Amino acid sequence: MRFWQNLMTEAGAIPLQELRPGLEMPDSRYLSLQGMQVHYRDVGDPQAPVLILLHGIFSSLHTWNDWTAILSQDFRVISLDSPNFGLTGPHPEGMKRHLYSDFLNAFTDALGIQQCYVAGNSLGGWMTWEFAARYPHKVLKAVLLDSAGYFFIPPSGLLFMGLPLGGWLTARVVPPSGAFNAMLRTTYADPGRLSDEVLNRYYRLWLRPGNRQAGARVLRFIRNRGGFNPRLIRQVKQPVLILWGKQDRWIPPAHTERFIQAMPQAEAILYDDCGHMPMEELPRESAADCRRFLLS
């Protein structure tokens, strides 16, 4: 019996009650939705235009801390831990077609948001353009930061997790922080900009119970579909701003051209000396570009 119990136990998982005190923000909130306690922040004038910020894979709302501080002067900025990640954790339905765009529709309904701006990084970019395409009456403008949308080869660690049993096996081995941090450093043009505090935060959230297998289900869903659905990208008719780091080693900067071909109304800005996450690596510059676009 103990053998089977050990086989089903997540190695190294940190209980949620231990994670929350160190990772919640002073203004953290929770929304009961679709069987989850969705962790989010809602900062700024409640009467200001709403800007929703969506993070990438195995990330969290913390990736937007600098943007939130800057842009909450002009917007009501809402950032959230998307289902299957962060303190929100696994979605009860795992992963399925349109899970994220339908979730965002329910999330905005629950907060009484009829229209908003949306910005997303990497996997959050996918959530952004799918939401804009499927719920065009809700999205006024979209900002894509190093967005997923076309086929690319992720880092080997994520490739492994997307294989059958990959997530289960990853959750059964005590995960080395060194290997995880090495993978995370590849998201920056200058890894020296990644503080130990930020690395530790990413690692601890990766160890939230259920997150490894939940993230693996997302990866497997994308892998089994051979990428994403570019037909939906072509259905996005709202104004779009594309921000991309020229030193992105996760998703090729050349994908900006593919997005512009699909959305001729889009404009693109590429940053020198920047990797996969401009909102973390160049927060002031990227936030200023976002602000200009949204207010124009």
Foldseek 3Di string as FASTA:
>chain_A
DVVVVLLQAFPPFDELVVLCVVPADPQWAFDCDQNWTKIKHWAADPPAAEEEEAEAALDFQVLQVLLCVPCSPHHGYMYTGFALFFSRHHRPVQDDPCPLLVRVVVVCVVVVQQAHAYEYAACGLVSFLLNCLVPVRHHQEYEYFLYFDAADDAPPLLVQLLDVCSLSVNRSDNDDLVVVLVSVCLQFLDSVLDDPVNSVSSVNRCSHPRNSNSSNSVSNVCVVVNGHDLVSLLSRAHEYEYEYECSEPGRHPVCVVVSCVSHVNYDYDYDYRTYRRCCNHVVVVVSVVVVVVVVD
